[in-house]
Amino acid sequence: MNKTTASFFSAVQFFTRIPCPEKWTGGAGNLDRTIRFLPLVGWIVGGVGALAFILSHLLFPISISVLLSMTATILLTGGFHEDGFSDVCDAFGGGWNREHILRIMKDSRIGAYGVLGLILILGIKFLTLASLPASMIPAALFTAHALSRFSPALLTFTHQYARETPDSKSGSVAKKMSLPDLFVAALFAFAPLLLFFDWKTLLALPPLALAHLWLTRYFKRWIGGYTGDCLGTCQQVSEIVCYLSMAALWG
């Protein structure tokens, strides 16, 4: 199996709970350059969420179907990015300098800021998706999960890792992303816009860019770069911005 295919399956195994045989991944140490496939992993996660909604909506109303689709995506990823978002909420909410923020972020326990952040972000996801026409929700899930994963990939290209030693969660993405790998990530991230093209969908891109710029500037100011939890936060916030934009345009 070639290195590109092995990197893809390594990305699937790292960013989701989908098990991949070692012969597919090239071994536990083959985690370099997996970040370029993060938007493609978003295709898998978004596709599972869309399928869960379609099947659920055969029996249940939109609200229940949306909740079940969200549950399916969280089970598939193990709440990987949500965990990073809650850690960032705790760290930046309770920390007062770089060292304190990084120390809190490394703590596995969740605090009040993390709990409140998860409640709010999951609530926004549910309400915005439930406000969309049922026929648009599968496409919204697929597009948002792919597009939102370009933000963490871009962050690894433009900024430096904030810790001197990578932790176990972010060891595969601590190295600076190359320009060819960024192009691959962008290709997989923006392709769903062509699959479900409508000119209104393009209006979601400026809010996504602004959210990304604000987050990266905030991280740079306080900790001098990013951590694995910051990458998860970028994905979650970008996903929310996608849904909010779609709700504003199509709700």
C-alpha atoms as a PDB file:
ATOM      1  CA  MET A   1       0.000   0.000   0.000  1.00  0.00           C
ATOM      2  CA  ASN A   2       1.410   3.423  -0.968  1.00  0.00           C
ATOM      3  CA  LYS A   3       2.086   6.219   1.508  1.00  0.00           C
ATOM      4  CA  THR A   4      -0.825   8.395   0.358  1.00  0.00           C
ATOM      5  CA  THR A   5      -3.389   5.647   0.911  1.00  0.00           C
ATOM      6  CA  ALA A   6      -1.789   4.755   4.247  1.00  0.00           C
ATOM      7  CA  SER A   7      -1.959   8.422   5.313  1.00  0.00           C
ATOM      8  CA  PHE A   8      -5.651   8.546   4.433  1.00  0.00           C
ATOM      9  CA  PHE A   9      -6.522   5.489   6.494  1.00  0.00           C
ATOM     10  CA  SER A  10      -4.350   6.827   9.315  1.00  0.00           C
ATOM     11  CA  ALA A  11      -6.418  10.021   9.187  1.00  0.00           C
ATOM     12  CA  VAL A  12      -9.647   8.032   9.329  1.00  0.00           C
ATOM     13  CA  GLN A  13      -8.410   6.074  12.333  1.00  0.00           C
ATOM     14  CA  PHE A  14      -7.042   9.155  14.107  1.00  0.00           C
ATOM     15  CA  PHE A  15      -9.971  11.533  13.591  1.00  0.00           C
ATOM     16  CA  THR A  16     -12.807   8.998  13.947  1.00  0.00           C
ATOM     17  CA  ARG A  17     -13.602   5.801  15.834  1.00  0.00           C
ATOM     18  CA  ILE A  18     -13.509   3.745  12.633  1.00  0.00           C
ATOM     19  CA  PRO A  19     -10.954   0.936  13.112  1.00  0.00           C
ATOM     20  CA  CYS A  20      -8.463   0.376  10.300  1.00  0.00           C
ATOM     21  CA  PRO A  21      -6.154  -2.646  10.034  1.00  0.00           C
ATOM     22  CA  GLU A  22      -2.473  -1.901  10.590  1.00  0.00           C
ATOM     23  CA  LYS A  23      -1.672  -3.020   7.049  1.00  0.00           C
ATOM     24  CA  TRP A  24      -3.873  -0.170   5.778  1.00  0.00           C
ATOM     25  CA  THR A  25      -2.329   2.536   7.963  1.00  0.00           C
ATOM     26  CA  GLY A  26       1.311   1.479   7.766  1.00  0.00           C
ATOM     27  CA  GLY A  27       1.581   1.206  11.546  1.00  0.00           C
ATOM     28  CA  ALA A  28       0.854   3.410  14.534  1.00  0.00           C
ATOM     29  CA  GLY A  29       3.684   5.794  13.703  1.00  0.00           C
ATOM     30  CA  ASN A  30       2.383   6.743  10.255  1.00  0.00           C
ATOM     31  CA  LEU A  31       0.575   9.910  11.318  1.00  0.00           C
ATOM     32  CA  ASP A  32       2.540  12.497   9.341  1.00  0.00           C
ATOM     33  CA  ARG A  33       0.555  14.523   6.794  1.00  0.00           C
ATOM     34  CA  THR A  34      -2.803  13.104   7.917  1.00  0.00           C
ATOM     35  CA  ILE A  35      -4.151  16.642   8.365  1.00  0.00           C
ATOM     36  CA  ARG A  36      -4.432  17.066   4.573  1.00  0.00           C
ATOM     37  CA  PHE A  37      -7.178  14.431   4.591  1.00  0.00           C
ATOM     38  CA  LEU A  38      -9.152  16.031   7.432  1.00  0.00           C
ATOM     39  CA  PRO A  39     -11.784  17.576   5.072  1.00  0.00           C
ATOM     40  CA  LEU A  40     -12.121  14.198   3.343  1.00  0.00           C
ATOM     41  CA  VAL A  41     -12.770  12.634   6.749  1.00  0.00           C
ATOM     42  CA  GLY A  42     -15.454  15.326   6.999  1.00  0.00           C
ATOM     43  CA  TRP A  43     -17.095  13.736   3.951  1.00  0.00           C
ATOM     44  CA  ILE A  44     -17.380  10.487   5.920  1.00  0.00           C
ATOM     45  CA  VAL A  45     -18.675  12.142   9.086  1.00  0.00           C
ATOM     46  CA  GLY A  46     -21.073  14.414   7.203  1.00  0.00           C
ATOM     47  CA  GLY A  47     -22.244  11.519   5.049  1.00  0.00           C
ATOM     48  CA  VAL A  48     -23.047   9.423   8.103  1.00  0.00           C
ATOM     49  CA  GLY A  49     -24.890  12.366   9.656  1.00  0.00           C
ATOM     50  CA  ALA A  50     -26.849  12.946   6.452  1.00  0.00           C
ATOM     51  CA  LEU A  51     -27.758   9.262   6.163  1.00  0.00           C
ATOM     52  CA  ALA A  52     -28.835   9.161   9.805  1.00  0.00           C
ATOM     53  CA  PHE A  53     -31.105  12.152   9.201  1.00  0.00           C
ATOM     54  CA  ILE A  54     -32.636  10.688   6.026  1.00  0.00           C
ATOM     55  CA  LEU A  55     -33.414   7.354   7.681  1.00  0.00           C
ATOM     56  CA  SER A  56     -34.666   8.938  10.897  1.00  0.00           C
ATOM     57  CA  HIS A  57     -36.924  11.343   9.024  1.00  0.00           C
ATOM     58  CA  LEU A  58     -38.802   8.388   7.555  1.00  0.00           C
ATOM     59  CA  LEU A  59     -40.257   7.858  11.035  1.00  0.00           C
ATOM     60  CA  PHE A  60     -39.678  11.006  13.064  1.00  0.00           C
ATOM     61  CA  PRO A  61     -40.136  14.780  12.721  1.00  0.00           C
ATOM     62  CA  ILE A  62     -37.242  17.085  11.815  1.00  0.00           C
ATOM     63  CA  SER A  63     -36.259  17.905  15.406  1.00  0.00           C
ATOM     64  CA  ILE A  64     -35.783  14.285  16.476  1.00  0.00           C
ATOM     65  CA  SER A  65     -34.074  13.404  13.198  1.00  0.00           C
ATOM     66  CA  VAL A  66     -31.597  16.264  13.589  1.00  0.00           C
ATOM     67  CA  LEU A  67     -30.797  15.171  17.138  1.00  0.00           C
ATOM     68  CA  LEU A  68     -30.232  11.592  15.988  1.00  0.00           C
ATOM     69  CA  SER A  69     -27.970  12.746  13.155  1.00  0.00           C
ATOM     70  CA  MET A  70     -25.906  14.810  15.608  1.00  0.00           C
ATOM     71  CA  THR A  71     -25.665  11.787  17.876  1.00  0.00           C
ATOM     72  CA  ALA A  72     -24.440   9.666  14.967  1.00  0.00           C
ATOM     73  CA  THR A  73     -21.629  12.093  14.100  1.00  0.00           C
ATOM     74  CA  ILE A  74     -20.523  12.405  17.728  1.00  0.00           C
ATOM     75  CA  LEU A  75     -20.448   8.633  18.129  1.00  0.00           C
ATOM     76  CA  LEU A  76     -18.445   8.341  14.904  1.00  0.00           C
ATOM     77  CA  THR A  77     -15.786  10.850  15.992  1.00  0.00           C
ATOM     78  CA  GLY A  78     -15.884  10.135  19.704  1.00  0.00           C
ATOM     79  CA  GLY A  79     -16.577  13.830  20.274  1.00  0.00           C
ATOM     80  CA  PHE A  80     -12.967  14.492  19.216  1.00  0.00           C
ATOM     81  CA  HIS A  81     -13.431  18.122  18.171  1.00  0.00           C
ATOM     82  CA  GLU A  82     -16.085  18.848  20.800  1.00  0.00           C
ATOM     83  CA  ASP A  83     -13.585  17.768  23.451  1.00  0.00           C
ATOM     84  CA  GLY A  84     -11.044  20.232  22.080  1.00  0.00           C
ATOM     85  CA  PHE A  85     -13.629  23.007  22.076  1.00  0.00           C
ATOM     86  CA  SER A  86     -14.547  22.399  25.730  1.00  0.00           C
ATOM     87  CA  ASP A  87     -10.858  22.402  26.719  1.00  0.00           C
ATOM     88  CA  VAL A  88     -10.356  25.749  24.969  1.00  0.00           C
ATOM     89  CA  CYS A  89     -13.401  27.204  26.729  1.00  0.00           C
ATOM     90  CA  ASP A  90     -11.990  26.149  30.105  1.00  0.00           C
ATOM     91  CA  ALA A  91      -8.448  27.284  29.338  1.00  0.00           C
ATOM     92  CA  PHE A  92      -9.177  30.696  27.872  1.00  0.00           C
ATOM     93  CA  GLY A  93     -12.064  31.267  30.253  1.00  0.00           C
ATOM     94  CA  GLY A  94     -10.051  30.499  33.385  1.00  0.00           C
ATOM     95  CA  GLY A  95      -6.460  31.268  32.345  1.00  0.00           C
ATOM     96  CA  TRP A  96      -4.803  34.644  32.735  1.00  0.00           C
ATOM     97  CA  ASN A  97      -1.492  34.087  30.918  1.00  0.00           C
ATOM     98  CA  ARG A  98       0.077  31.745  28.360  1.00  0.00           C
ATOM     99  CA  GLU A  99       1.450  29.228  30.845  1.00  0.00           C
ATOM    100  CA  HIS A 100      -1.770  29.026  32.830  1.00  0.00           C
ATOM    101  CA  ILE A 101      -3.889  28.666  29.677  1.00  0.00           C
ATOM    102  CA  LEU A 102      -1.722  25.828  28.356  1.00  0.00           C
ATOM    103  CA  ARG A 103      -1.739  24.084  31.747  1.00  0.00           C
ATOM    104  CA  ILE A 104      -5.544  24.201  32.009  1.00  0.00           C
ATOM    105  CA  MET A 105      -5.909  23.038  28.414  1.00  0.00           C
ATOM    106  CA  LYS A 106      -3.853  19.930  29.178  1.00  0.00           C
ATOM    107  CA  ASP A 107      -6.073  19.017  32.169  1.00  0.00           C
ATOM    108  CA  SER A 108      -8.449  16.182  31.224  1.00  0.00           C
ATOM    109  CA  ARG A 109     -11.134  17.399  33.628  1.00  0.00           C
ATOM    110  CA  ILE A 110     -13.932  19.631  32.352  1.00  0.00           C
ATOM    111  CA  GLY A 111     -14.929  22.817  34.131  1.00  0.00           C
ATOM    112  CA  ALA A 112     -17.868  25.206  34.116  1.00  0.00           C
ATOM    113  CA  TYR A 113     -16.687  27.081  31.019  1.00  0.00           C
ATOM    114  CA  GLY A 114     -16.312  23.833  29.102  1.00  0.00           C
ATOM    115  CA  VAL A 115     -19.774  22.594  30.100  1.00  0.00           C
ATOM    116  CA  LEU A 116     -21.401  25.890  29.191  1.00  0.00           C
ATOM    117  CA  GLY A 117     -19.536  26.002  25.881  1.00  0.00           C
ATOM    118  CA  LEU A 118     -20.691  22.500  24.905  1.00  0.00           C
ATOM    119  CA  ILE A 119     -24.299  23.229  25.859  1.00  0.00           C
ATOM    120  CA  LEU A 120     -24.321  26.400  23.790  1.00  0.00           C
ATOM    121  CA  ILE A 121     -22.560  25.033  20.714  1.00  0.00           C
ATOM    122  CA  LEU A 122     -24.642  21.840  20.577  1.00  0.00           C
ATOM    123  CA  GLY A 123     -27.796  23.876  21.127  1.00  0.00           C
ATOM    124  CA  ILE A 124     -26.917  26.207  18.259  1.00  0.00           C
ATOM    125  CA  LYS A 125     -26.206  23.233  15.980  1.00  0.00           C
ATOM    126  CA  PHE A 126     -29.554  21.670  16.792  1.00  0.00           C
ATOM    127  CA  LEU A 127     -31.640  24.829  16.428  1.00  0.00           C
ATOM    128  CA  THR A 128     -30.012  26.013  13.204  1.00  0.00           C
ATOM    129  CA  LEU A 129     -30.250  22.618  11.509  1.00  0.00           C
ATOM    130  CA  ALA A 130     -33.843  22.135  12.674  1.00  0.00           C
ATOM    131  CA  SER A 131     -34.744  25.533  11.180  1.00  0.00           C
ATOM    132  CA  LEU A 132     -33.723  24.419   7.679  1.00  0.00           C
ATOM    133  CA  PRO A 133     -36.103  22.750   5.201  1.00  0.00           C
ATOM    134  CA  ALA A 134     -35.866  18.967   5.588  1.00  0.00           C
ATOM    135  CA  SER A 135     -34.730  18.572   1.981  1.00  0.00           C
ATOM    136  CA  MET A 136     -31.667  20.749   2.636  1.00  0.00           C
ATOM    137  CA  ILE A 137     -30.446  19.238   5.902  1.00  0.00           C
ATOM    138  CA  PRO A 138     -28.498  16.274   4.419  1.00  0.00           C
ATOM    139  CA  ALA A 139     -26.608  18.598   2.052  1.00  0.00           C
ATOM    140  CA  ALA A 140     -26.012  21.058   4.900  1.00  0.00           C
ATOM    141  CA  LEU A 141     -24.516  18.334   7.094  1.00  0.00           C
ATOM    142  CA  PHE A 142     -22.274  16.984   4.358  1.00  0.00           C
ATOM    143  CA  THR A 143     -21.054  20.424   3.267  1.00  0.00           C
ATOM    144  CA  ALA A 144     -20.496  21.835   6.755  1.00  0.00           C
ATOM    145  CA  HIS A 145     -18.530  18.844   8.025  1.00  0.00           C
ATOM    146  CA  ALA A 146     -16.172  18.986   5.040  1.00  0.00           C
ATOM    147  CA  LEU A 147     -15.833  22.759   4.802  1.00  0.00           C
ATOM    148  CA  SER A 148     -15.364  23.325   8.538  1.00  0.00           C
ATOM    149  CA  ARG A 149     -12.371  20.970   8.617  1.00  0.00           C
ATOM    150  CA  PHE A 150     -10.391  23.219   6.290  1.00  0.00           C
ATOM    151  CA  SER A 151     -10.028  25.797   9.067  1.00  0.00           C
ATOM    152  CA  PRO A 152      -7.820  23.618  11.329  1.00  0.00           C
ATOM    153  CA  ALA A 153      -5.837  22.475   8.296  1.00  0.00           C
ATOM    154  CA  LEU A 154      -5.205  26.100   7.296  1.00  0.00           C
ATOM    155  CA  LEU A 155      -4.183  26.974  10.864  1.00  0.00           C
ATOM    156  CA  THR A 156      -1.385  24.393  10.777  1.00  0.00           C
ATOM    157  CA  PHE A 157      -0.093  26.041   7.590  1.00  0.00           C
ATOM    158  CA  THR A 158      -0.134  29.655   8.795  1.00  0.00           C
ATOM    159  CA  HIS A 159       0.826  29.313  12.482  1.00  0.00           C
ATOM    160  CA  GLN A 160       3.258  27.506  14.736  1.00  0.00           C
ATOM    161  CA  TYR A 161       2.499  24.879  17.357  1.00  0.00           C
ATOM    162  CA  ALA A 162       2.358  26.580  20.766  1.00  0.00           C
ATOM    163  CA  ARG A 163       3.898  23.863  22.932  1.00  0.00           C
ATOM    164  CA  GLU A 164       7.553  22.919  22.893  1.00  0.00           C
ATOM    165  CA  THR A 165       6.638  19.226  22.952  1.00  0.00           C
ATOM    166  CA  PRO A 166       3.494  17.968  21.134  1.00  0.00           C
ATOM    167  CA  ASP A 167       0.993  16.133  23.305  1.00  0.00           C
ATOM    168  CA  SER A 168      -0.451  12.774  22.304  1.00  0.00           C
ATOM    169  CA  LYS A 169      -3.590  14.259  20.793  1.00  0.00           C
ATOM    170  CA  SER A 170      -1.860  16.601  18.370  1.00  0.00           C
ATOM    171  CA  GLY A 171       1.428  14.910  17.643  1.00  0.00           C
ATOM    172  CA  SER A 172       0.436  14.238  14.033  1.00  0.00           C
ATOM    173  CA  VAL A 173      -0.416  17.867  13.278  1.00  0.00           C
ATOM    174  CA  ALA A 174       2.318  19.731  15.138  1.00  0.00           C
ATOM    175  CA  LYS A 175       4.468  19.997  12.008  1.00  0.00           C
ATOM    176  CA  LYS A 176       3.898  22.881   9.606  1.00  0.00           C
ATOM    177  CA  MET A 177       1.658  21.896   6.721  1.00  0.00           C
ATOM    178  CA  SER A 178       3.125  22.090   3.218  1.00  0.00           C
ATOM    179  CA  LEU A 179       1.537  24.087   0.402  1.00  0.00           C
ATOM    180  CA  PRO A 180       0.741  20.983  -1.723  1.00  0.00           C
ATOM    181  CA  ASP A 181      -0.952  19.365   1.293  1.00  0.00           C
ATOM    182  CA  LEU A 182      -2.948  22.556   1.889  1.00  0.00           C
ATOM    183  CA  PHE A 183      -4.123  22.423  -1.728  1.00  0.00           C
ATOM    184  CA  VAL A 184      -5.284  18.807  -1.232  1.00  0.00           C
ATOM    185  CA  ALA A 185      -7.184  19.816   1.918  1.00  0.00           C
ATOM    186  CA  ALA A 186      -8.804  22.764   0.099  1.00  0.00           C
ATOM    187  CA  LEU A 187      -9.848  20.522  -2.784  1.00  0.00           C
ATOM    188  CA  PHE A 188     -11.725  18.143  -0.492  1.00  0.00           C
ATOM    189  CA  ALA A 189     -13.139  20.990   1.617  1.00  0.00           C
ATOM    190  CA  PHE A 190     -14.628  23.045  -1.229  1.00  0.00           C
ATOM    191  CA  ALA A 191     -15.713  20.206  -3.517  1.00  0.00           C
ATOM    192  CA  PRO A 192     -19.111  19.826  -1.735  1.00  0.00           C
ATOM    193  CA  LEU A 193     -19.918  23.407  -2.761  1.00  0.00           C
ATOM    194  CA  LEU A 194     -19.821  22.157  -6.343  1.00  0.00           C
ATOM    195  CA  LEU A 195     -21.840  19.046  -5.534  1.00  0.00           C
ATOM    196  CA  PHE A 196     -24.601  21.104  -3.909  1.00  0.00           C
ATOM    197  CA  PHE A 197     -23.981  24.337  -5.768  1.00  0.00           C
ATOM    198  CA  ASP A 198     -26.208  27.334  -5.346  1.00  0.00           C
ATOM    199  CA  TRP A 199     -24.977  30.904  -5.535  1.00  0.00           C
ATOM    200  CA  LYS A 200     -26.366  31.628  -2.064  1.00  0.00           C
ATOM    201  CA  THR A 201     -24.078  28.998  -0.591  1.00  0.00           C
ATOM    202  CA  LEU A 202     -21.078  31.117  -1.547  1.00  0.00           C
ATOM    203  CA  LEU A 203     -22.328  33.818   0.835  1.00  0.00           C
ATOM    204  CA  ALA A 204     -21.324  31.524   3.721  1.00  0.00           C
ATOM    205  CA  LEU A 205     -17.634  31.860   2.810  1.00  0.00           C
ATOM    206  CA  PRO A 206     -17.020  35.443   4.070  1.00  0.00           C
ATOM    207  CA  PRO A 207     -18.392  34.674   7.583  1.00  0.00           C
ATOM    208  CA  LEU A 208     -16.239  31.524   7.632  1.00  0.00           C
ATOM    209  CA  ALA A 209     -13.149  33.532   6.721  1.00  0.00           C
ATOM    210  CA  LEU A 210     -13.885  36.164   9.368  1.00  0.00           C
ATOM    211  CA  ALA A 211     -14.434  33.517  12.072  1.00  0.00           C
ATOM    212  CA  HIS A 212     -11.170  31.819  11.153  1.00  0.00           C
ATOM    213  CA  LEU A 213      -9.198  35.073  11.171  1.00  0.00           C
ATOM    214  CA  TRP A 214     -10.638  36.105  14.532  1.00  0.00           C
ATOM    215  CA  LEU A 215      -9.867  32.741  16.165  1.00  0.00           C
ATOM    216  CA  THR A 216      -6.326  32.530  14.804  1.00  0.00           C
ATOM    217  CA  ARG A 217      -5.582  36.080  15.874  1.00  0.00           C
ATOM    218  CA  TYR A 218      -6.976  35.325  19.352  1.00  0.00           C
ATOM    219  CA  PHE A 219      -4.875  32.167  19.724  1.00  0.00           C
ATOM    220  CA  LYS A 220      -1.769  33.950  18.458  1.00  0.00           C
ATOM    221  CA  ARG A 221      -2.239  36.789  20.917  1.00  0.00           C
ATOM    222  CA  TRP A 222      -2.675  34.612  24.001  1.00  0.00           C
ATOM    223  CA  ILE A 223      -0.541  31.510  23.424  1.00  0.00           C
ATOM    224  CA  GLY A 224       1.584  32.378  20.394  1.00  0.00           C
ATOM    225  CA  GLY A 225       0.142  29.731  18.086  1.00  0.00           C
ATOM    226  CA  TYR A 226      -2.144  26.725  18.312  1.00  0.00           C
ATOM    227  CA  THR A 227      -2.607  23.404  20.074  1.00  0.00           C
ATOM    228  CA  GLY A 228      -4.632  20.340  19.132  1.00  0.00           C
ATOM    229  CA  ASP A 229      -7.544  21.716  21.146  1.00  0.00           C
ATOM    230  CA  CYS A 230      -7.386  24.968  19.164  1.00  0.00           C
ATOM    231  CA  LEU A 231      -7.721  22.949  15.954  1.00  0.00           C
ATOM    232  CA  GLY A 232     -10.848  21.248  17.300  1.00  0.00           C
ATOM    233  CA  THR A 233     -12.247  24.645  18.258  1.00  0.00           C
ATOM    234  CA  CYS A 234     -11.680  25.998  14.752  1.00  0.00           C
ATOM    235  CA  GLN A 235     -13.598  23.043  13.322  1.00  0.00           C
ATOM    236  CA  GLN A 236     -16.512  23.429  15.729  1.00  0.00           C
ATOM    237  CA  VAL A 237     -16.831  27.189  15.296  1.00  0.00           C
ATOM    238  CA  SER A 238     -16.578  26.890  11.501  1.00  0.00           C
ATOM    239  CA  GLU A 239     -19.280  24.213  11.502  1.00  0.00           C
ATOM    240  CA  ILE A 240     -21.537  26.499  13.532  1.00  0.00           C
ATOM    241  CA  VAL A 241     -20.882  29.421  11.184  1.00  0.00           C
ATOM    242  CA  CYS A 242     -21.818  27.175   8.237  1.00  0.00           C
ATOM    243  CA  TYR A 243     -25.143  26.256   9.836  1.00  0.00           C
ATOM    244  CA  LEU A 244     -25.902  29.838  10.894  1.00  0.00           C
ATOM    245  CA  SER A 245     -25.186  31.086   7.386  1.00  0.00           C
ATOM    246  CA  MET A 246     -27.398  28.417   5.854  1.00  0.00           C
ATOM    247  CA  ALA A 247     -30.172  29.163   8.327  1.00  0.00           C
ATOM    248  CA  ALA A 248     -29.967  32.882   7.516  1.00  0.00           C
ATOM    249  CA  LEU A 249     -30.035  32.167   3.784  1.00  0.00           C
ATOM    250  CA  TRP A 250     -32.510  29.262   3.642  1.00  0.00           C
ATOM    251  CA  GLY A 251     -34.359  29.135   6.973  1.00  0.00           C
END
